[in-house]
Amino acid sequence: MVAEYLNFRHAANALGVTQSSVRTRIKVLEERLGIALFERRHRGVRSCHVN
């Protein structure tokens, strides 16, 4: 959802969870994978990897 909305808050609203939950889960996933999935910006995020 974050990749679709490019915004943690909007993704969290769509999923019915808190923004902090989404941020934490993405951060844990990035740490496990050893890569950044998103570039954080003041007004949202940008995907770091394009298929």
PDB file of N, CA and C in Angstrom:
ATOM      1  N   MET A   1       0.826  -1.190   0.000  1.00  0.00           N
ATOM      2  CA  MET A   1       0.000   0.000   0.000  1.00  0.00           C
ATOM      3  C   MET A   1       0.871   1.255   0.000  1.00  0.00           C
ATOM      4  N   VAL A   2       1.994   1.207   0.689  1.00  0.00           N
ATOM      5  CA  VAL A   2       2.880   2.374   0.715  1.00  0.00           C
ATOM      6  C   VAL A   2       3.377   2.665  -0.692  1.00  0.00           C
ATOM      7  N   ALA A   3       3.735   1.642  -1.433  1.00  0.00           N
ATOM      8  CA  ALA A   3       4.199   1.841  -2.808  1.00  0.00           C
ATOM      9  C   ALA A   3       3.089   2.406  -3.687  1.00  0.00           C
ATOM     10  N   GLU A   4       1.864   2.036  -3.410  1.00  0.00           N
ATOM     11  CA  GLU A   4       0.730   2.536  -4.198  1.00  0.00           C
ATOM     12  C   GLU A   4       0.434   3.999  -3.867  1.00  0.00           C
ATOM     13  N   TYR A   5       0.372   4.317  -2.582  1.00  0.00           N
ATOM     14  CA  TYR A   5       0.008   5.663  -2.153  1.00  0.00           C
ATOM     15  C   TYR A   5       1.191   6.623  -2.047  1.00  0.00           C
ATOM     16  N   LEU A   6       2.404   6.057  -1.932  1.00  0.00           N
ATOM     17  CA  LEU A   6       3.620   6.852  -1.719  1.00  0.00           C
ATOM     18  C   LEU A   6       3.485   7.781  -0.514  1.00  0.00           C
ATOM     19  N   ASN A   7       2.810   7.254   0.507  1.00  0.00           N
ATOM     20  CA  ASN A   7       2.564   8.039   1.716  1.00  0.00           C
ATOM     21  C   ASN A   7       2.188   7.055   2.831  1.00  0.00           C
ATOM     22  N   PHE A   8       2.933   7.120   3.941  1.00  0.00           N
ATOM     23  CA  PHE A   8       2.671   6.196   5.045  1.00  0.00           C
ATOM     24  C   PHE A   8       1.288   6.419   5.661  1.00  0.00           C
ATOM     25  N   ARG A   9       0.894   7.655   5.829  1.00  0.00           N
ATOM     26  CA  ARG A   9      -0.398   7.962   6.446  1.00  0.00           C
ATOM     27  C   ARG A   9      -1.553   7.449   5.594  1.00  0.00           C
ATOM     28  N   HIS A  10      -1.499   7.693   4.310  1.00  0.00           N
ATOM     29  CA  HIS A  10      -2.571   7.239   3.428  1.00  0.00           C
ATOM     30  C   HIS A  10      -2.621   5.715   3.356  1.00  0.00           C
ATOM     31  N   ALA A  11      -1.462   5.085   3.335  1.00  0.00           N
ATOM     32  CA  ALA A  11      -1.411   3.624   3.324  1.00  0.00           C
ATOM     33  C   ALA A  11      -2.000   3.070   4.622  1.00  0.00           C
ATOM     34  N   ALA A  12      -1.647   3.681   5.748  1.00  0.00           N
ATOM     35  CA  ALA A  12      -2.167   3.238   7.031  1.00  0.00           C
ATOM     36  C   ALA A  12      -3.682   3.370   7.086  1.00  0.00           C
ATOM     37  N   ASN A  13      -4.212   4.487   6.604  1.00  0.00           N
ATOM     38  CA  ASN A  13      -5.665   4.680   6.577  1.00  0.00           C
ATOM     39  C   ASN A  13      -6.340   3.613   5.722  1.00  0.00           C
ATOM     40  N   ALA A  14      -5.767   3.308   4.576  1.00  0.00           N
ATOM     41  CA  ALA A  14      -6.344   2.303   3.688  1.00  0.00           C
ATOM     42  C   ALA A  14      -6.321   0.914   4.323  1.00  0.00           C
ATOM     43  N   LEU A  15      -5.296   0.653   5.135  1.00  0.00           N
ATOM     44  CA  LEU A  15      -5.156  -0.653   5.782  1.00  0.00           C
ATOM     45  C   LEU A  15      -5.896  -0.736   7.115  1.00  0.00           C
ATOM     46  N   GLY A  16      -6.312   0.411   7.624  1.00  0.00           N
ATOM     47  CA  GLY A  16      -7.006   0.439   8.908  1.00  0.00           C
ATOM     48  C   GLY A  16      -6.089   0.230  10.099  1.00  0.00           C
ATOM     49  N   VAL A  17      -4.846   0.674   9.967  1.00  0.00           N
ATOM     50  CA  VAL A  17      -3.860   0.564  11.046  1.00  0.00           C
ATOM     51  C   VAL A  17      -3.238   1.936  11.279  1.00  0.00           C
ATOM     52  N   THR A  18      -2.383   2.029  12.299  1.00  0.00           N
ATOM     53  CA  THR A  18      -1.738   3.310  12.574  1.00  0.00           C
ATOM     54  C   THR A  18      -0.561   3.542  11.641  1.00  0.00           C
ATOM     55  N   GLN A  19      -0.254   4.815  11.461  1.00  0.00           N
ATOM     56  CA  GLN A  19       0.883   5.191  10.632  1.00  0.00           C
ATOM     57  C   GLN A  19       2.181   4.650  11.231  1.00  0.00           C
ATOM     58  N   SER A  20       2.304   4.708  12.544  1.00  0.00           N
ATOM     59  CA  SER A  20       3.531   4.215  13.179  1.00  0.00           C
ATOM     60  C   SER A  20       3.703   2.718  12.966  1.00  0.00           C
ATOM     61  N   SER A  21       2.608   1.972  12.923  1.00  0.00           N
ATOM     62  CA  SER A  21       2.676   0.539  12.657  1.00  0.00           C
ATOM     63  C   SER A  21       3.226   0.276  11.259  1.00  0.00           C
ATOM     64  N   VAL A  22       2.739   1.008  10.291  1.00  0.00           N
ATOM     65  CA  VAL A  22       3.221   0.848   8.913  1.00  0.00           C
ATOM     66  C   VAL A  22       4.694   1.215   8.834  1.00  0.00           C
ATOM     67  N   ARG A  23       5.067   2.338   9.420  1.00  0.00           N
ATOM     68  CA  ARG A  23       6.474   2.772   9.397  1.00  0.00           C
ATOM     69  C   ARG A  23       7.389   1.738  10.042  1.00  0.00           C
ATOM     70  N   THR A  24       6.971   1.213  11.178  1.00  0.00           N
ATOM     71  CA  THR A  24       7.785   0.237  11.895  1.00  0.00           C
ATOM     72  C   THR A  24       7.954  -1.035  11.092  1.00  0.00           C
ATOM     73  N   ARG A  25       6.868  -1.523  10.512  1.00  0.00           N
ATOM     74  CA  ARG A  25       6.940  -2.764   9.734  1.00  0.00           C
ATOM     75  C   ARG A  25       7.811  -2.605   8.491  1.00  0.00           C
ATOM     76  N   ILE A  26       7.717  -1.457   7.836  1.00  0.00           N
ATOM     77  CA  ILE A  26       8.565  -1.206   6.668  1.00  0.00           C
ATOM     78  C   ILE A  26      10.025  -1.121   7.086  1.00  0.00           C
ATOM     79  N   LYS A  27      10.298  -0.450   8.195  1.00  0.00           N
ATOM     80  CA  LYS A  27      11.673  -0.317   8.685  1.00  0.00           C
ATOM     81  C   LYS A  27      12.271  -1.685   9.015  1.00  0.00           C
ATOM     82  N   VAL A  28      11.496  -2.534   9.698  1.00  0.00           N
ATOM     83  CA  VAL A  28      11.960  -3.885  10.032  1.00  0.00           C
ATOM     84  C   VAL A  28      12.236  -4.677   8.761  1.00  0.00           C
ATOM     85  N   LEU A  29      11.339  -4.597   7.799  1.00  0.00           N
ATOM     86  CA  LEU A  29      11.528  -5.302   6.529  1.00  0.00           C
ATOM     87  C   LEU A  29      12.792  -4.827   5.828  1.00  0.00           C
ATOM     88  N   GLU A  30      12.998  -3.517   5.769  1.00  0.00           N
ATOM     89  CA  GLU A  30      14.204  -2.975   5.139  1.00  0.00           C
ATOM     90  C   GLU A  30      15.461  -3.472   5.851  1.00  0.00           C
ATOM     91  N   GLU A  31      15.437  -3.507   7.179  1.00  0.00           N
ATOM     92  CA  GLU A  31      16.596  -3.982   7.939  1.00  0.00           C
ATOM     93  C   GLU A  31      16.870  -5.457   7.653  1.00  0.00           C
ATOM     94  N   ARG A  32      15.830  -6.263   7.575  1.00  0.00           N
ATOM     95  CA  ARG A  32      15.995  -7.696   7.279  1.00  0.00           C
ATOM     96  C   ARG A  32      16.525  -7.924   5.871  1.00  0.00           C
ATOM     97  N   LEU A  33      16.053  -7.126   4.924  1.00  0.00           N
ATOM     98  CA  LEU A  33      16.501  -7.259   3.536  1.00  0.00           C
ATOM     99  C   LEU A  33      17.860  -6.612   3.300  1.00  0.00           C
ATOM    100  N   GLY A  34      18.218  -5.670   4.154  1.00  0.00           N
ATOM    101  CA  GLY A  34      19.489  -4.960   4.006  1.00  0.00           C
ATOM    102  C   GLY A  34      19.467  -3.904   2.913  1.00  0.00           C
ATOM    103  N   ILE A  35      18.276  -3.445   2.555  1.00  0.00           N
ATOM    104  CA  ILE A  35      18.135  -2.401   1.529  1.00  0.00           C
ATOM    105  C   ILE A  35      17.024  -1.433   1.920  1.00  0.00           C
ATOM    106  N   ALA A  36      17.110  -0.236   1.389  1.00  0.00           N
ATOM    107  CA  ALA A  36      16.035   0.741   1.571  1.00  0.00           C
ATOM    108  C   ALA A  36      15.001   0.509   0.473  1.00  0.00           C
ATOM    109  N   LEU A  37      13.757   0.389   0.866  1.00  0.00           N
ATOM    110  CA  LEU A  37      12.683   0.214  -0.110  1.00  0.00           C
ATOM    111  C   LEU A  37      12.100   1.555  -0.542  1.00  0.00           C
ATOM    112  N   PHE A  38      12.194   2.542   0.362  1.00  0.00           N
ATOM    113  CA  PHE A  38      11.624   3.856   0.096  1.00  0.00           C
ATOM    114  C   PHE A  38      12.589   4.959   0.480  1.00  0.00           C
ATOM    115  N   GLU A  39      12.553   6.019  -0.277  1.00  0.00           N
ATOM    116  CA  GLU A  39      13.269   7.241   0.054  1.00  0.00           C
ATOM    117  C   GLU A  39      12.271   8.129   0.787  1.00  0.00           C
ATOM    118  N   ARG A  40      12.573   8.424   2.044  1.00  0.00           N
ATOM    119  CA  ARG A  40      11.663   9.243   2.840  1.00  0.00           C
ATOM    120  C   ARG A  40      11.810  10.707   2.460  1.00  0.00           C
ATOM    121  N   ARG A  41      10.682  11.366   2.313  1.00  0.00           N
ATOM    122  CA  ARG A  41      10.640  12.795   2.000  1.00  0.00           C
ATOM    123  C   ARG A  41       9.668  13.472   2.946  1.00  0.00           C
ATOM    124  N   HIS A  42       9.764  14.775   3.024  1.00  0.00           N
ATOM    125  CA  HIS A  42       8.897  15.531   3.923  1.00  0.00           C
ATOM    126  C   HIS A  42       7.420  15.295   3.603  1.00  0.00           C
ATOM    127  N   ARG A  43       7.068  15.182   2.340  1.00  0.00           N
ATOM    128  CA  ARG A  43       5.664  15.057   1.950  1.00  0.00           C
ATOM    129  C   ARG A  43       5.350  13.687   1.355  1.00  0.00           C
ATOM    130  N   GLY A  44       5.953  12.638   1.909  1.00  0.00           N
ATOM    131  CA  GLY A  44       5.659  11.300   1.440  1.00  0.00           C
ATOM    132  C   GLY A  44       6.930  10.510   1.197  1.00  0.00           C
ATOM    133  N   VAL A  45       6.814   9.470   0.390  1.00  0.00           N
ATOM    134  CA  VAL A  45       7.955   8.618   0.096  1.00  0.00           C
ATOM    135  C   VAL A  45       8.054   8.384  -1.412  1.00  0.00           C
ATOM    136  N   ARG A  46       9.217   7.909  -1.809  1.00  0.00           N
ATOM    137  CA  ARG A  46       9.438   7.561  -3.196  1.00  0.00           C
ATOM    138  C   ARG A  46      10.047   6.158  -3.213  1.00  0.00           C
ATOM    139  N   SER A  47       9.594   5.331  -4.089  1.00  0.00           N
ATOM    140  CA  SER A  47      10.127   3.978  -4.180  1.00  0.00           C
ATOM    141  C   SER A  47      11.570   4.028  -4.651  1.00  0.00           C
ATOM    142  N   CYS A  48      12.429   3.272  -3.993  1.00  0.00           N
ATOM    143  CA  CYS A  48      13.853   3.231  -4.365  1.00  0.00           C
ATOM    144  C   CYS A  48      14.122   2.236  -5.477  1.00  0.00           C
ATOM    145  N   HIS A  49      13.220   1.277  -5.670  1.00  0.00           N
ATOM    146  CA  HIS A  49      13.459   0.211  -6.631  1.00  0.00           C
ATOM    147  C   HIS A  49      12.285   0.118  -7.592  1.00  0.00           C
ATOM    148  N   VAL A  50      12.612   0.127  -8.850  1.00  0.00           N
ATOM    149  CA  VAL A  50      11.579   0.027  -9.890  1.00  0.00           C
ATOM    150  C   VAL A  50      11.732  -1.299 -10.585  1.00  0.00           C
ATOM    151  N   ASN A  51      10.628  -1.995 -10.831  1.00  0.00           N
ATOM    152  CA  ASN A  51      10.660  -3.285 -11.521  1.00  0.00           C
ATOM    153  C   ASN A  51      10.998  -3.095 -12.974  1.00  0.00           C
TER     154      ASN A  51
END
